[in-house]
Amino acid sequence: AKQEKLRLFNQGADILVVGDAPANQPNTTIIDNSLGKKPNTLAYLKKAYGASVVTSAALSKSYPAADFIIVLGESAVPKATNSNEN
């Protein structure tokens, strides 16, 4: 999670919180709290993580200021790479 925070931060994202899920997650999931207001960001995250998009009342309440919550799965390796990486 910390590596992803740095990667996303370097691409201009504001990261509010980094934490561990209560249990291992088999798949990466993107929780959309933006209510459709940030379609370009959502499209980027979907492409980068190959993740499904859901809404979650519980996590939305826990992180109301977040536009998106990314729950990294066990094999989370982003598909999009930073152009500065080799």
PDB file of N, CA and C in Angstrom:
ATOM      1  N   ALA A   1       0.823  -1.187   0.000  1.00  0.00           N
ATOM      2  CA  ALA A   1       0.000   0.000   0.000  1.00  0.00           C
ATOM      3  C   ALA A   1       0.871   1.257   0.000  1.00  0.00           C
ATOM      4  N   LYS A   2       1.961   1.214   0.754  1.00  0.00           N
ATOM      5  CA  LYS A   2       2.837   2.383   0.806  1.00  0.00           C
ATOM      6  C   LYS A   2       3.490   2.651  -0.543  1.00  0.00           C
ATOM      7  N   GLN A   3       3.854   1.597  -1.268  1.00  0.00           N
ATOM      8  CA  GLN A   3       4.438   1.768  -2.596  1.00  0.00           C
ATOM      9  C   GLN A   3       3.424   2.374  -3.555  1.00  0.00           C
ATOM     10  N   GLU A   4       2.193   1.918  -3.476  1.00  0.00           N
ATOM     11  CA  GLU A   4       1.151   2.460  -4.337  1.00  0.00           C
ATOM     12  C   GLU A   4       0.865   3.911  -3.988  1.00  0.00           C
ATOM     13  N   LYS A   5       0.907   4.233  -2.717  1.00  0.00           N
ATOM     14  CA  LYS A   5       0.707   5.617  -2.299  1.00  0.00           C
ATOM     15  C   LYS A   5       1.743   6.505  -2.964  1.00  0.00           C
ATOM     16  N   LEU A   6       2.998   6.116  -2.903  1.00  0.00           N
ATOM     17  CA  LEU A   6       4.064   6.915  -3.498  1.00  0.00           C
ATOM     18  C   LEU A   6       3.891   7.018  -5.002  1.00  0.00           C
ATOM     19  N   ARG A   7       3.558   5.916  -5.643  1.00  0.00           N
ATOM     20  CA  ARG A   7       3.377   5.924  -7.102  1.00  0.00           C
ATOM     21  C   ARG A   7       2.246   6.857  -7.506  1.00  0.00           C
ATOM     22  N   LEU A   8       1.113   6.760  -6.830  1.00  0.00           N
ATOM     23  CA  LEU A   8      -0.023   7.613  -7.159  1.00  0.00           C
ATOM     24  C   LEU A   8       0.256   9.072  -6.807  1.00  0.00           C
ATOM     25  N   PHE A   9       0.916   9.307  -5.689  1.00  0.00           N
ATOM     26  CA  PHE A   9       1.283  10.668  -5.284  1.00  0.00           C
ATOM     27  C   PHE A   9       2.185  11.296  -6.339  1.00  0.00           C
ATOM     28  N   ASN A  10       3.146  10.535  -6.860  1.00  0.00           N
ATOM     29  CA  ASN A  10       4.056  11.044  -7.888  1.00  0.00           C
ATOM     30  C   ASN A  10       3.334  11.366  -9.188  1.00  0.00           C
ATOM     31  N   GLN A  11       2.139  10.825  -9.363  1.00  0.00           N
ATOM     32  CA  GLN A  11       1.346  11.108 -10.553  1.00  0.00           C
ATOM     33  C   GLN A  11       0.316  12.200 -10.293  1.00  0.00           C
ATOM     34  N   GLY A  12       0.385  12.828  -9.115  1.00  0.00           N
ATOM     35  CA  GLY A  12      -0.464  13.969  -8.828  1.00  0.00           C
ATOM     36  C   GLY A  12      -1.680  13.699  -7.962  1.00  0.00           C
ATOM     37  N   ALA A  13      -1.827  12.490  -7.462  1.00  0.00           N
ATOM     38  CA  ALA A  13      -2.989  12.174  -6.625  1.00  0.00           C
ATOM     39  C   ALA A  13      -2.760  12.663  -5.197  1.00  0.00           C
ATOM     40  N   ASP A  14      -3.816  13.096  -4.567  1.00  0.00           N
ATOM     41  CA  ASP A  14      -3.783  13.407  -3.144  1.00  0.00           C
ATOM     42  C   ASP A  14      -4.201  12.153  -2.394  1.00  0.00           C
ATOM     43  N   ILE A  15      -3.336  11.653  -1.541  1.00  0.00           N
ATOM     44  CA  ILE A  15      -3.609  10.440  -0.788  1.00  0.00           C
ATOM     45  C   ILE A  15      -3.936  10.839   0.638  1.00  0.00           C
ATOM     46  N   LEU A  16      -5.134  10.507   1.089  1.00  0.00           N
ATOM     47  CA  LEU A  16      -5.556  10.893   2.434  1.00  0.00           C
ATOM     48  C   LEU A  16      -5.117   9.905   3.491  1.00  0.00           C
ATOM     49  N   VAL A  17      -5.287   8.619   3.225  1.00  0.00           N
ATOM     50  CA  VAL A  17      -5.026   7.591   4.227  1.00  0.00           C
ATOM     51  C   VAL A  17      -4.497   6.338   3.538  1.00  0.00           C
ATOM     52  N   VAL A  18      -3.560   5.673   4.193  1.00  0.00           N
ATOM     53  CA  VAL A  18      -3.094   4.364   3.748  1.00  0.00           C
ATOM     54  C   VAL A  18      -3.273   3.424   4.925  1.00  0.00           C
ATOM     55  N   GLY A  19      -3.882   2.286   4.675  1.00  0.00           N
ATOM     56  CA  GLY A  19      -4.085   1.329   5.753  1.00  0.00           C
ATOM     57  C   GLY A  19      -4.242  -0.067   5.205  1.00  0.00           C
ATOM     58  N   ASP A  20      -4.313  -1.012   6.095  1.00  0.00           N
ATOM     59  CA  ASP A  20      -4.472  -2.407   5.711  1.00  0.00           C
ATOM     60  C   ASP A  20      -5.929  -2.822   5.829  1.00  0.00           C
ATOM     61  N   ALA A  21      -6.373  -3.621   4.871  1.00  0.00           N
ATOM     62  CA  ALA A  21      -7.721  -4.182   4.929  1.00  0.00           C
ATOM     63  C   ALA A  21      -7.785  -5.173   6.086  1.00  0.00           C
ATOM     64  N   PRO A  22      -8.974  -5.407   6.638  1.00  0.00           N
ATOM     65  CA  PRO A  22      -9.090  -6.333   7.765  1.00  0.00           C
ATOM     66  C   PRO A  22      -8.744  -7.775   7.413  1.00  0.00           C
ATOM     67  N   ALA A  23      -8.786  -8.122   6.142  1.00  0.00           N
ATOM     68  CA  ALA A  23      -8.452  -9.480   5.703  1.00  0.00           C
ATOM     69  C   ALA A  23      -7.852  -9.386   4.300  1.00  0.00           C
ATOM     70  N   ASN A  24      -7.128 -10.428   3.891  1.00  0.00           N
ATOM     71  CA  ASN A  24      -6.585 -10.449   2.542  1.00  0.00           C
ATOM     72  C   ASN A  24      -7.723 -10.370   1.534  1.00  0.00           C
ATOM     73  N   GLN A  25      -7.497  -9.591   0.504  1.00  0.00           N
ATOM     74  CA  GLN A  25      -8.476  -9.433  -0.556  1.00  0.00           C
ATOM     75  C   GLN A  25      -7.942 -10.126  -1.804  1.00  0.00           C
ATOM     76  N   PRO A  26      -8.698 -11.032  -2.395  1.00  0.00           N
ATOM     77  CA  PRO A  26      -8.193 -11.728  -3.576  1.00  0.00           C
ATOM     78  C   PRO A  26      -8.076 -10.809  -4.791  1.00  0.00           C
ATOM     79  N   ASN A  27      -8.959  -9.836  -4.906  1.00  0.00           N
ATOM     80  CA  ASN A  27      -8.980  -8.951  -6.074  1.00  0.00           C
ATOM     81  C   ASN A  27      -8.935  -7.494  -5.643  1.00  0.00           C
ATOM     82  N   THR A  28      -8.377  -6.679  -6.507  1.00  0.00           N
ATOM     83  CA  THR A  28      -8.366  -5.240  -6.248  1.00  0.00           C
ATOM     84  C   THR A  28      -9.732  -4.671  -6.586  1.00  0.00           C
ATOM     85  N   THR A  29     -10.202  -3.786  -5.740  1.00  0.00           N
ATOM     86  CA  THR A  29     -11.508  -3.151  -5.925  1.00  0.00           C
ATOM     87  C   THR A  29     -11.354  -1.655  -5.774  1.00  0.00           C
ATOM     88  N   ILE A  30     -12.048  -0.919  -6.619  1.00  0.00           N
ATOM     89  CA  ILE A  30     -12.092   0.535  -6.525  1.00  0.00           C
ATOM     90  C   ILE A  30     -13.479   0.916  -6.030  1.00  0.00           C
ATOM     91  N   ILE A  31     -13.522   1.658  -4.947  1.00  0.00           N
ATOM     92  CA  ILE A  31     -14.789   2.137  -4.416  1.00  0.00           C
ATOM     93  C   ILE A  31     -14.938   3.585  -4.857  1.00  0.00           C
ATOM     94  N   ASP A  32     -15.991   3.861  -5.618  1.00  0.00           N
ATOM     95  CA  ASP A  32     -16.214   5.186  -6.198  1.00  0.00           C
ATOM     96  C   ASP A  32     -17.098   6.019  -5.281  1.00  0.00           C
ATOM     97  N   ASN A  33     -16.480   6.945  -4.571  1.00  0.00           N
ATOM     98  CA  ASN A  33     -17.224   7.894  -3.731  1.00  0.00           C
ATOM     99  C   ASN A  33     -17.493   9.207  -4.453  1.00  0.00           C
ATOM    100  N   SER A  34     -17.010   9.328  -5.684  1.00  0.00           N
ATOM    101  CA  SER A  34     -17.129  10.606  -6.397  1.00  0.00           C
ATOM    102  C   SER A  34     -18.519  10.827  -6.987  1.00  0.00           C
ATOM    103  N   LEU A  35     -19.348   9.814  -6.942  1.00  0.00           N
ATOM    104  CA  LEU A  35     -20.704   9.901  -7.508  1.00  0.00           C
ATOM    105  C   LEU A  35     -20.672  10.294  -8.984  1.00  0.00           C
ATOM    106  N   GLY A  36     -19.666   9.777  -9.705  1.00  0.00           N
ATOM    107  CA  GLY A  36     -19.564  10.034 -11.135  1.00  0.00           C
ATOM    108  C   GLY A  36     -18.978  11.378 -11.502  1.00  0.00           C
ATOM    109  N   LYS A  37     -18.485  12.124 -10.530  1.00  0.00           N
ATOM    110  CA  LYS A  37     -17.977  13.473 -10.795  1.00  0.00           C
ATOM    111  C   LYS A  37     -16.550  13.488 -11.338  1.00  0.00           C
ATOM    112  N   LYS A  38     -15.867  12.357 -11.316  1.00  0.00           N
ATOM    113  CA  LYS A  38     -14.475  12.304 -11.771  1.00  0.00           C
ATOM    114  C   LYS A  38     -14.288  11.117 -12.721  1.00  0.00           C
ATOM    115  N   PRO A  39     -14.947  11.168 -13.882  1.00  0.00           N
ATOM    116  CA  PRO A  39     -14.898  10.017 -14.791  1.00  0.00           C
ATOM    117  C   PRO A  39     -13.510   9.729 -15.338  1.00  0.00           C
ATOM    118  N   ASN A  40     -12.700  10.752 -15.572  1.00  0.00           N
ATOM    119  CA  ASN A  40     -11.358  10.516 -16.107  1.00  0.00           C
ATOM    120  C   ASN A  40     -10.474   9.806 -15.087  1.00  0.00           C
ATOM    121  N   THR A  41     -10.572  10.218 -13.832  1.00  0.00           N
ATOM    122  CA  THR A  41      -9.802   9.554 -12.779  1.00  0.00           C
ATOM    123  C   THR A  41     -10.256   8.112 -12.617  1.00  0.00           C
ATOM    124  N   LEU A  42     -11.559   7.896 -12.636  1.00  0.00           N
ATOM    125  CA  LEU A  42     -12.088   6.546 -12.517  1.00  0.00           C
ATOM    126  C   LEU A  42     -11.605   5.676 -13.675  1.00  0.00           C
ATOM    127  N   ALA A  43     -11.639   6.203 -14.887  1.00  0.00           N
ATOM    128  CA  ALA A  43     -11.174   5.440 -16.051  1.00  0.00           C
ATOM    129  C   ALA A  43      -9.695   5.088 -15.910  1.00  0.00           C
ATOM    130  N   TYR A  44      -8.898   6.034 -15.428  1.00  0.00           N
ATOM    131  CA  TYR A  44      -7.479   5.765 -15.224  1.00  0.00           C
ATOM    132  C   TYR A  44      -7.285   4.648 -14.190  1.00  0.00           C
ATOM    133  N   LEU A  45      -7.962   4.745 -13.059  1.00  0.00           N
ATOM    134  CA  LEU A  45      -7.806   3.741 -12.001  1.00  0.00           C
ATOM    135  C   LEU A  45      -8.253   2.362 -12.477  1.00  0.00           C
ATOM    136  N   LYS A  46      -9.362   2.299 -13.213  1.00  0.00           N
ATOM    137  CA  LYS A  46      -9.840   1.018 -13.737  1.00  0.00           C
ATOM    138  C   LYS A  46      -8.801   0.398 -14.662  1.00  0.00           C
ATOM    139  N   LYS A  47      -8.220   1.215 -15.522  1.00  0.00           N
ATOM    140  CA  LYS A  47      -7.208   0.718 -16.454  1.00  0.00           C
ATOM    141  C   LYS A  47      -5.932   0.328 -15.711  1.00  0.00           C
ATOM    142  N   ALA A  48      -5.500   1.159 -14.783  1.00  0.00           N
ATOM    143  CA  ALA A  48      -4.253   0.910 -14.068  1.00  0.00           C
ATOM    144  C   ALA A  48      -4.305  -0.353 -13.237  1.00  0.00           C
ATOM    145  N   TYR A  49      -5.444  -0.611 -12.609  1.00  0.00           N
ATOM    146  CA  TYR A  49      -5.546  -1.741 -11.693  1.00  0.00           C
ATOM    147  C   TYR A  49      -6.349  -2.910 -12.239  1.00  0.00           C
ATOM    148  N   GLY A  50      -7.010  -2.742 -13.378  1.00  0.00           N
ATOM    149  CA  GLY A  50      -7.847  -3.817 -13.913  1.00  0.00           C
ATOM    150  C   GLY A  50      -8.871  -4.263 -12.892  1.00  0.00           C
ATOM    151  N   ALA A  51      -9.391  -3.296 -12.152  1.00  0.00           N
ATOM    152  CA  ALA A  51     -10.230  -3.597 -10.998  1.00  0.00           C
ATOM    153  C   ALA A  51     -11.699  -3.345 -11.280  1.00  0.00           C
ATOM    154  N   SER A  52     -12.532  -4.011 -10.507  1.00  0.00           N
ATOM    155  CA  SER A  52     -13.959  -3.743 -10.564  1.00  0.00           C
ATOM    156  C   SER A  52     -14.251  -2.489  -9.740  1.00  0.00           C
ATOM    157  N   VAL A  53     -15.353  -1.839 -10.063  1.00  0.00           N
ATOM    158  CA  VAL A  53     -15.757  -0.619  -9.373  1.00  0.00           C
ATOM    159  C   VAL A  53     -17.056  -0.898  -8.646  1.00  0.00           C
ATOM    160  N   VAL A  54     -17.089  -0.533  -7.379  1.00  0.00           N
ATOM    161  CA  VAL A  54     -18.267  -0.747  -6.551  1.00  0.00           C
ATOM    162  C   VAL A  54     -18.505   0.486  -5.695  1.00  0.00           C
ATOM    163  N   THR A  55     -19.596   0.464  -4.978  1.00  0.00           N
ATOM    164  CA  THR A  55     -19.818   1.441  -3.924  1.00  0.00           C
ATOM    165  C   THR A  55     -19.879   0.665  -2.616  1.00  0.00           C
ATOM    166  N   SER A  56     -19.486   1.302  -1.553  1.00  0.00           N
ATOM    167  CA  SER A  56     -19.500   0.641  -0.248  1.00  0.00           C
ATOM    168  C   SER A  56     -19.915   1.648   0.804  1.00  0.00           C
ATOM    169  N   ALA A  57     -21.091   1.468   1.352  1.00  0.00           N
ATOM    170  CA  ALA A  57     -21.588   2.402   2.360  1.00  0.00           C
ATOM    171  C   ALA A  57     -20.671   2.427   3.577  1.00  0.00           C
ATOM    172  N   ALA A  58     -20.174   1.265   3.980  1.00  0.00           N
ATOM    173  CA  ALA A  58     -19.325   1.204   5.177  1.00  0.00           C
ATOM    174  C   ALA A  58     -18.027   1.970   4.973  1.00  0.00           C
ATOM    175  N   LEU A  59     -17.335   1.719   3.876  1.00  0.00           N
ATOM    176  CA  LEU A  59     -16.081   2.425   3.640  1.00  0.00           C
ATOM    177  C   LEU A  59     -16.316   3.888   3.287  1.00  0.00           C
ATOM    178  N   SER A  60     -17.401   4.180   2.625  1.00  0.00           N
ATOM    179  CA  SER A  60     -17.715   5.582   2.312  1.00  0.00           C
ATOM    180  C   SER A  60     -17.919   6.382   3.594  1.00  0.00           C
ATOM    181  N   LYS A  61     -18.554   5.784   4.586  1.00  0.00           N
ATOM    182  CA  LYS A  61     -18.732   6.458   5.878  1.00  0.00           C
ATOM    183  C   LYS A  61     -17.401   6.631   6.592  1.00  0.00           C
ATOM    184  N   SER A  62     -16.531   5.639   6.469  1.00  0.00           N
ATOM    185  CA  SER A  62     -15.233   5.693   7.140  1.00  0.00           C
ATOM    186  C   SER A  62     -14.311   6.731   6.508  1.00  0.00           C
ATOM    187  N   TYR A  63     -14.454   6.949   5.206  1.00  0.00           N
ATOM    188  CA  TYR A  63     -13.585   7.870   4.473  1.00  0.00           C
ATOM    189  C   TYR A  63     -14.431   8.808   3.608  1.00  0.00           C
ATOM    190  N   PRO A  64     -15.243   9.661   4.221  1.00  0.00           N
ATOM    191  CA  PRO A  64     -16.183  10.491   3.454  1.00  0.00           C
ATOM    192  C   PRO A  64     -15.504  11.518   2.542  1.00  0.00           C
ATOM    193  N   ALA A  65     -14.280  11.918   2.834  1.00  0.00           N
ATOM    194  CA  ALA A  65     -13.602  12.918   2.012  1.00  0.00           C
ATOM    195  C   ALA A  65     -12.922  12.311   0.785  1.00  0.00           C
ATOM    196  N   ALA A  66     -12.845  10.986   0.721  1.00  0.00           N
ATOM    197  CA  ALA A  66     -12.161  10.326  -0.392  1.00  0.00           C
ATOM    198  C   ALA A  66     -13.068  10.242  -1.606  1.00  0.00           C
ATOM    199  N   ASP A  67     -12.527  10.603  -2.772  1.00  0.00           N
ATOM    200  CA  ASP A  67     -13.263  10.405  -4.020  1.00  0.00           C
ATOM    201  C   ASP A  67     -13.243   8.935  -4.417  1.00  0.00           C
ATOM    202  N   PHE A  68     -12.106   8.288  -4.166  1.00  0.00           N
ATOM    203  CA  PHE A  68     -11.948   6.879  -4.500  1.00  0.00           C
ATOM    204  C   PHE A  68     -11.203   6.182  -3.372  1.00  0.00           C
ATOM    205  N   ILE A  69     -11.576   4.953  -3.123  1.00  0.00           N
ATOM    206  CA  ILE A  69     -10.873   4.100  -2.173  1.00  0.00           C
ATOM    207  C   ILE A  69     -10.410   2.890  -2.973  1.00  0.00           C
ATOM    208  N   ILE A  70      -9.118   2.604  -2.910  1.00  0.00           N
ATOM    209  CA  ILE A  70      -8.569   1.462  -3.635  1.00  0.00           C
ATOM    210  C   ILE A  70      -8.216   0.394  -2.614  1.00  0.00           C
ATOM    211  N   VAL A  71      -8.867  -0.748  -2.739  1.00  0.00           N
ATOM    212  CA  VAL A  71      -8.569  -1.886  -1.878  1.00  0.00           C
ATOM    213  C   VAL A  71      -7.725  -2.832  -2.727  1.00  0.00           C
ATOM    214  N   LEU A  72      -6.434  -2.897  -2.403  1.00  0.00           N
ATOM    215  CA  LEU A  72      -5.515  -3.697  -3.205  1.00  0.00           C
ATOM    216  C   LEU A  72      -5.700  -5.177  -2.934  1.00  0.00           C
ATOM    217  N   GLY A  73      -5.779  -5.943  -4.012  1.00  0.00           N
ATOM    218  CA  GLY A  73      -5.884  -7.393  -3.896  1.00  0.00           C
ATOM    219  C   GLY A  73      -4.516  -8.018  -3.697  1.00  0.00           C
ATOM    220  N   GLU A  74      -4.512  -9.322  -3.481  1.00  0.00           N
ATOM    221  CA  GLU A  74      -3.277 -10.045  -3.199  1.00  0.00           C
ATOM    222  C   GLU A  74      -2.242  -9.913  -4.304  1.00  0.00           C
ATOM    223  N   SER A  75      -2.668  -9.866  -5.526  1.00  0.00           N
ATOM    224  CA  SER A  75      -1.724  -9.792  -6.643  1.00  0.00           C
ATOM    225  C   SER A  75      -1.771  -8.424  -7.318  1.00  0.00           C
ATOM    226  N   ALA A  76      -1.993  -7.393  -6.537  1.00  0.00           N
ATOM    227  CA  ALA A  76      -2.144  -6.045  -7.097  1.00  0.00           C
ATOM    228  C   ALA A  76      -0.828  -5.543  -7.669  1.00  0.00           C
ATOM    229  N   VAL A  77      -0.800  -5.495  -8.972  1.00  0.00           N
ATOM    230  CA  VAL A  77       0.314  -4.881  -9.673  1.00  0.00           C
ATOM    231  C   VAL A  77      -0.324  -4.005 -10.734  1.00  0.00           C
ATOM    232  N   PRO A  78      -0.154  -2.698 -10.644  1.00  0.00           N
ATOM    233  CA  PRO A  78      -0.811  -1.834 -11.605  1.00  0.00           C
ATOM    234  C   PRO A  78      -0.361  -2.111 -13.028  1.00  0.00           C
ATOM    235  N   LYS A  79      -1.289  -2.025 -13.947  1.00  0.00           N
ATOM    236  CA  LYS A  79      -0.994  -2.256 -15.354  1.00  0.00           C
ATOM    237  C   LYS A  79      -0.367  -1.027 -16.001  1.00  0.00           C
ATOM    238  N   ALA A  80      -0.769   0.163 -15.559  1.00  0.00           N
ATOM    239  CA  ALA A  80      -0.198   1.398 -16.097  1.00  0.00           C
ATOM    240  C   ALA A  80       1.091   1.686 -15.344  1.00  0.00           C
ATOM    241  N   THR A  81       2.073   2.192 -16.062  1.00  0.00           N
ATOM    242  CA  THR A  81       3.329   2.519 -15.394  1.00  0.00           C
ATOM    243  C   THR A  81       3.648   3.980 -15.588  1.00  0.00           C
ATOM    244  N   ASN A  82       4.417   4.490 -14.701  1.00  0.00           N
ATOM    245  CA  ASN A  82       4.885   5.866 -14.781  1.00  0.00           C
ATOM    246  C   ASN A  82       5.928   5.933 -15.870  1.00  0.00           C
ATOM    247  N   SER A  83       5.903   6.964 -16.686  1.00  0.00           N
ATOM    248  CA  SER A  83       6.831   7.086 -17.793  1.00  0.00           C
ATOM    249  C   SER A  83       8.272   7.243 -17.330  1.00  0.00           C
ATOM    250  N   ASN A  84       8.482   7.565 -16.050  1.00  0.00           N
ATOM    251  CA  ASN A  84       9.837   7.713 -15.531  1.00  0.00           C
ATOM    252  C   ASN A  84      10.433   6.397 -15.067  1.00  0.00           C
ATOM    253  N   GLU A  85       9.636   5.344 -15.047  1.00  0.00           N
ATOM    254  CA  GLU A  85      10.133   4.049 -14.592  1.00  0.00           C
ATOM    255  C   GLU A  85      10.755   3.299 -15.750  1.00  0.00           C
ATOM    256  N   ASN A  86      11.745   2.457 -15.463  1.00  0.00           N
ATOM    257  CA  ASN A  86      12.379   1.628 -16.495  1.00  0.00           C
ATOM    258  C   ASN A  86      11.811   0.237 -16.481  1.00  0.00           C
TER     259      ASN A  86
END
